[in-house]
Amino acid sequence: MTLKTIPFDAADFLRDDEDIREFLLAAAEEGTAEEFIHALATAARAKGMTETAKAAGLTRASLYKSLAPGAKPRFETIWRISGALGHGLSLR
């Protein structure tokens, strides 16, 4: 008998805004800029790319492009996506 596995996707486990907030906070505190952008992409998929793009004032294609691996989105774009996910950015 062979073992069947499926790829892990963190977006499957982000069930509500509090999960998304904790996930983004951990990425911001412990990760690199690239890892934070990846976390934003994961959170956007969990919330829904179309809904997130609309709330951020972006097209869906622009959202995908901004959060693609290796992308270097502008700070304004990151700011808008974070707000669209229900969580702004702040300094401590």
N, C-alpha and C. Protein backbone atom coordinates (compact mmCIF):
# COMPACT_ATOMS: atom_id res chain seq x y z
N MET A 1 0.84 -1.17 0.00
CA MET A 1 0.00 0.00 0.00
C MET A 1 0.90 1.24 0.00
N THR A 2 0.59 2.19 -0.90
CA THR A 2 1.37 3.41 -0.96
C THR A 2 0.71 4.49 -0.12
N LEU A 3 1.51 5.34 0.41
CA LEU A 3 1.04 6.44 1.23
C LEU A 3 0.74 7.62 0.33
N LYS A 4 -0.46 8.15 0.40
CA LYS A 4 -0.83 9.30 -0.41
C LYS A 4 -0.71 10.56 0.45
N THR A 5 -0.01 11.53 -0.07
CA THR A 5 0.16 12.78 0.66
C THR A 5 -0.39 13.93 -0.18
N ILE A 6 -0.70 15.00 0.49
CA ILE A 6 -1.14 16.21 -0.21
C ILE A 6 -0.26 17.36 0.24
N PRO A 7 -0.04 18.35 -0.62
CA PRO A 7 0.80 19.49 -0.23
C PRO A 7 0.15 20.28 0.92
N PHE A 8 0.98 20.77 1.82
CA PHE A 8 0.51 21.60 2.92
C PHE A 8 0.24 23.01 2.41
N ASP A 9 -0.88 23.58 2.78
CA ASP A 9 -1.22 24.95 2.42
C ASP A 9 -1.75 25.63 3.67
N ALA A 10 -0.98 26.58 4.21
CA ALA A 10 -1.37 27.28 5.43
C ALA A 10 -2.70 28.00 5.27
N ALA A 11 -3.04 28.41 4.05
CA ALA A 11 -4.31 29.11 3.82
C ALA A 11 -5.51 28.27 4.25
N ASP A 12 -5.37 26.96 4.20
CA ASP A 12 -6.47 26.07 4.61
C ASP A 12 -6.75 26.16 6.10
N PHE A 13 -5.82 26.69 6.87
CA PHE A 13 -5.96 26.74 8.33
C PHE A 13 -6.22 28.14 8.87
N LEU A 14 -6.30 29.13 8.00
CA LEU A 14 -6.61 30.50 8.41
C LEU A 14 -8.12 30.69 8.28
N ARG A 15 -8.83 30.41 9.37
CA ARG A 15 -10.28 30.35 9.32
C ARG A 15 -10.98 31.69 9.54
N ASP A 16 -10.32 32.63 10.23
CA ASP A 16 -10.98 33.90 10.52
C ASP A 16 -9.94 35.02 10.61
N ASP A 17 -10.42 36.24 10.85
CA ASP A 17 -9.53 37.40 10.90
C ASP A 17 -8.48 37.29 12.00
N GLU A 18 -8.83 36.67 13.11
CA GLU A 18 -7.85 36.52 14.20
C GLU A 18 -6.72 35.57 13.78
N ASP A 19 -7.04 34.49 13.10
CA ASP A 19 -6.01 33.58 12.58
C ASP A 19 -5.09 34.32 11.62
N ILE A 20 -5.69 35.11 10.74
CA ILE A 20 -4.90 35.87 9.76
C ILE A 20 -4.00 36.87 10.47
N ARG A 21 -4.53 37.56 11.48
CA ARG A 21 -3.73 38.54 12.23
C ARG A 21 -2.53 37.88 12.89
N GLU A 22 -2.75 36.77 13.55
CA GLU A 22 -1.65 36.06 14.23
C GLU A 22 -0.62 35.56 13.22
N PHE A 23 -1.08 35.07 12.10
CA PHE A 23 -0.19 34.56 11.05
C PHE A 23 0.69 35.69 10.49
N LEU A 24 0.07 36.84 10.18
CA LEU A 24 0.83 37.98 9.66
C LEU A 24 1.77 38.55 10.71
N LEU A 25 1.33 38.61 11.95
CA LEU A 25 2.18 39.11 13.03
C LEU A 25 3.42 38.24 13.20
N ALA A 26 3.25 36.93 13.18
CA ALA A 26 4.40 36.03 13.30
C ALA A 26 5.36 36.21 12.13
N ALA A 27 4.80 36.35 10.92
CA ALA A 27 5.66 36.55 9.74
C ALA A 27 6.41 37.87 9.83
N ALA A 28 5.76 38.91 10.31
CA ALA A 28 6.41 40.22 10.43
C ALA A 28 7.50 40.22 11.49
N GLU A 29 7.24 39.53 12.60
CA GLU A 29 8.19 39.53 13.71
C GLU A 29 9.37 38.59 13.49
N GLU A 30 9.14 37.47 12.83
CA GLU A 30 10.16 36.43 12.75
C GLU A 30 10.74 36.21 11.37
N GLY A 31 10.08 36.73 10.35
CA GLY A 31 10.50 36.43 8.99
C GLY A 31 11.22 37.56 8.30
N THR A 32 11.57 37.30 7.07
CA THR A 32 12.20 38.30 6.22
C THR A 32 11.11 39.05 5.46
N ALA A 33 11.49 40.06 4.71
CA ALA A 33 10.52 40.80 3.89
C ALA A 33 9.85 39.87 2.89
N GLU A 34 10.62 38.98 2.29
CA GLU A 34 10.06 38.04 1.32
C GLU A 34 9.07 37.09 1.98
N GLU A 35 9.39 36.66 3.20
CA GLU A 35 8.49 35.77 3.92
C GLU A 35 7.20 36.49 4.31
N PHE A 36 7.29 37.78 4.64
CA PHE A 36 6.09 38.54 4.96
C PHE A 36 5.20 38.69 3.72
N ILE A 37 5.80 38.95 2.57
CA ILE A 37 5.02 39.05 1.33
C ILE A 37 4.36 37.71 1.03
N HIS A 38 5.08 36.61 1.24
CA HIS A 38 4.49 35.28 1.06
C HIS A 38 3.32 35.08 2.02
N ALA A 39 3.47 35.53 3.27
CA ALA A 39 2.39 35.42 4.25
C ALA A 39 1.18 36.25 3.82
N LEU A 40 1.41 37.44 3.27
CA LEU A 40 0.31 38.25 2.75
C LEU A 40 -0.42 37.50 1.63
N ALA A 41 0.33 36.85 0.76
CA ALA A 41 -0.28 36.08 -0.33
C ALA A 41 -1.11 34.93 0.22
N THR A 42 -0.59 34.26 1.22
CA THR A 42 -1.31 33.14 1.83
C THR A 42 -2.59 33.63 2.49
N ALA A 43 -2.50 34.74 3.21
CA ALA A 43 -3.68 35.32 3.87
C ALA A 43 -4.71 35.78 2.84
N ALA A 44 -4.24 36.36 1.75
CA ALA A 44 -5.15 36.82 0.70
C ALA A 44 -5.88 35.63 0.07
N ARG A 45 -5.18 34.52 -0.13
CA ARG A 45 -5.83 33.32 -0.67
C ARG A 45 -6.87 32.78 0.31
N ALA A 46 -6.53 32.83 1.61
CA ALA A 46 -7.46 32.35 2.63
C ALA A 46 -8.73 33.20 2.67
N LYS A 47 -8.58 34.49 2.51
CA LYS A 47 -9.71 35.42 2.56
C LYS A 47 -10.46 35.45 1.23
N GLY A 48 -9.73 35.16 0.17
CA GLY A 48 -10.31 35.22 -1.18
C GLY A 48 -9.60 36.30 -1.98
N MET A 49 -8.96 35.91 -3.06
CA MET A 49 -8.18 36.86 -3.85
C MET A 49 -9.05 37.96 -4.45
N THR A 50 -10.22 37.60 -4.94
CA THR A 50 -11.09 38.60 -5.55
C THR A 50 -11.55 39.61 -4.51
N GLU A 51 -11.99 39.13 -3.36
CA GLU A 51 -12.44 40.00 -2.28
C GLU A 51 -11.30 40.90 -1.79
N THR A 52 -10.11 40.33 -1.62
CA THR A 52 -8.96 41.10 -1.15
C THR A 52 -8.56 42.16 -2.16
N ALA A 53 -8.51 41.79 -3.42
CA ALA A 53 -8.14 42.75 -4.47
C ALA A 53 -9.13 43.92 -4.50
N LYS A 54 -10.40 43.61 -4.44
CA LYS A 54 -11.43 44.66 -4.48
C LYS A 54 -11.28 45.60 -3.28
N ALA A 55 -11.10 45.04 -2.09
CA ALA A 55 -10.96 45.85 -0.88
C ALA A 55 -9.70 46.70 -0.90
N ALA A 56 -8.66 46.22 -1.59
CA ALA A 56 -7.39 46.95 -1.67
C ALA A 56 -7.38 47.96 -2.81
N GLY A 57 -8.42 47.94 -3.64
CA GLY A 57 -8.46 48.84 -4.79
C GLY A 57 -7.52 48.41 -5.90
N LEU A 58 -7.31 47.10 -6.02
CA LEU A 58 -6.42 46.55 -7.04
C LEU A 58 -7.23 45.60 -7.93
N THR A 59 -6.69 45.31 -9.09
CA THR A 59 -7.29 44.25 -9.89
C THR A 59 -6.78 42.92 -9.34
N ARG A 60 -7.50 41.87 -9.63
CA ARG A 60 -7.08 40.54 -9.17
C ARG A 60 -5.71 40.18 -9.76
N ALA A 61 -5.52 40.51 -11.04
CA ALA A 61 -4.24 40.22 -11.70
C ALA A 61 -3.11 41.00 -11.04
N SER A 62 -3.36 42.24 -10.69
CA SER A 62 -2.35 43.07 -10.04
C SER A 62 -1.99 42.51 -8.66
N LEU A 63 -3.00 42.02 -7.94
CA LEU A 63 -2.75 41.42 -6.63
C LEU A 63 -1.86 40.19 -6.76
N TYR A 64 -2.20 39.31 -7.71
CA TYR A 64 -1.37 38.12 -7.93
C TYR A 64 0.06 38.52 -8.29
N LYS A 65 0.21 39.51 -9.17
CA LYS A 65 1.54 39.94 -9.60
C LYS A 65 2.33 40.53 -8.43
N SER A 66 1.67 41.33 -7.61
CA SER A 66 2.34 41.96 -6.47
C SER A 66 2.82 40.96 -5.43
N LEU A 67 2.10 39.84 -5.30
CA LEU A 67 2.42 38.86 -4.27
C LEU A 67 3.10 37.60 -4.80
N ALA A 68 3.48 37.63 -6.07
CA ALA A 68 4.15 36.48 -6.67
C ALA A 68 5.54 36.29 -6.06
N PRO A 69 6.04 35.06 -6.03
CA PRO A 69 7.40 34.83 -5.52
C PRO A 69 8.41 35.71 -6.26
N GLY A 70 9.26 36.37 -5.51
CA GLY A 70 10.28 37.23 -6.09
C GLY A 70 9.81 38.64 -6.40
N ALA A 71 8.52 38.92 -6.20
CA ALA A 71 7.99 40.26 -6.47
C ALA A 71 8.53 41.25 -5.44
N LYS A 72 8.63 42.47 -5.84
CA LYS A 72 9.07 43.56 -4.96
C LYS A 72 7.98 44.64 -4.96
N PRO A 73 6.86 44.37 -4.29
CA PRO A 73 5.77 45.34 -4.31
C PRO A 73 6.15 46.63 -3.59
N ARG A 74 5.54 47.72 -4.03
CA ARG A 74 5.75 49.01 -3.37
C ARG A 74 5.13 48.95 -1.98
N PHE A 75 5.64 49.82 -1.10
CA PHE A 75 5.12 49.87 0.27
C PHE A 75 3.63 50.18 0.26
N GLU A 76 3.21 51.09 -0.61
CA GLU A 76 1.79 51.45 -0.68
C GLU A 76 0.93 50.23 -0.99
N THR A 77 1.41 49.35 -1.82
CA THR A 77 0.67 48.14 -2.17
C THR A 77 0.56 47.22 -0.96
N ILE A 78 1.65 47.05 -0.25
CA ILE A 78 1.63 46.22 0.96
C ILE A 78 0.67 46.82 1.98
N TRP A 79 0.72 48.14 2.13
CA TRP A 79 -0.16 48.85 3.05
C TRP A 79 -1.63 48.59 2.70
N ARG A 80 -1.96 48.70 1.42
CA ARG A 80 -3.34 48.53 0.96
C ARG A 80 -3.81 47.08 1.13
N ILE A 81 -2.94 46.13 0.84
CA ILE A 81 -3.30 44.72 0.99
C ILE A 81 -3.51 44.39 2.47
N SER A 82 -2.63 44.87 3.33
CA SER A 82 -2.78 44.64 4.77
C SER A 82 -4.10 45.19 5.28
N GLY A 83 -4.44 46.39 4.83
CA GLY A 83 -5.73 46.98 5.21
C GLY A 83 -6.90 46.19 4.68
N ALA A 84 -6.80 45.70 3.46
CA ALA A 84 -7.87 44.90 2.86
C ALA A 84 -8.09 43.60 3.62
N LEU A 85 -7.03 43.10 4.23
CA LEU A 85 -7.14 41.88 5.03
C LEU A 85 -7.67 42.16 6.43
N GLY A 86 -7.92 43.45 6.72
CA GLY A 86 -8.48 43.82 8.02
C GLY A 86 -7.45 44.15 9.06
N HIS A 87 -6.19 44.29 8.64
CA HIS A 87 -5.12 44.53 9.60
C HIS A 87 -4.15 45.54 9.02
N GLY A 88 -4.11 46.72 9.60
CA GLY A 88 -3.16 47.72 9.15
C GLY A 88 -1.77 47.42 9.66
N LEU A 89 -0.84 48.24 9.28
CA LEU A 89 0.53 48.11 9.77
C LEU A 89 0.76 49.16 10.86
N SER A 90 1.54 48.80 11.86
CA SER A 90 1.85 49.75 12.92
C SER A 90 3.27 49.50 13.42
N LEU A 91 3.79 50.48 14.11
CA LEU A 91 5.13 50.37 14.69
C LEU A 91 5.00 50.25 16.20
N ARG A 92 5.96 49.54 16.80
CA ARG A 92 5.96 49.44 18.25
C ARG A 92 7.25 49.98 18.78
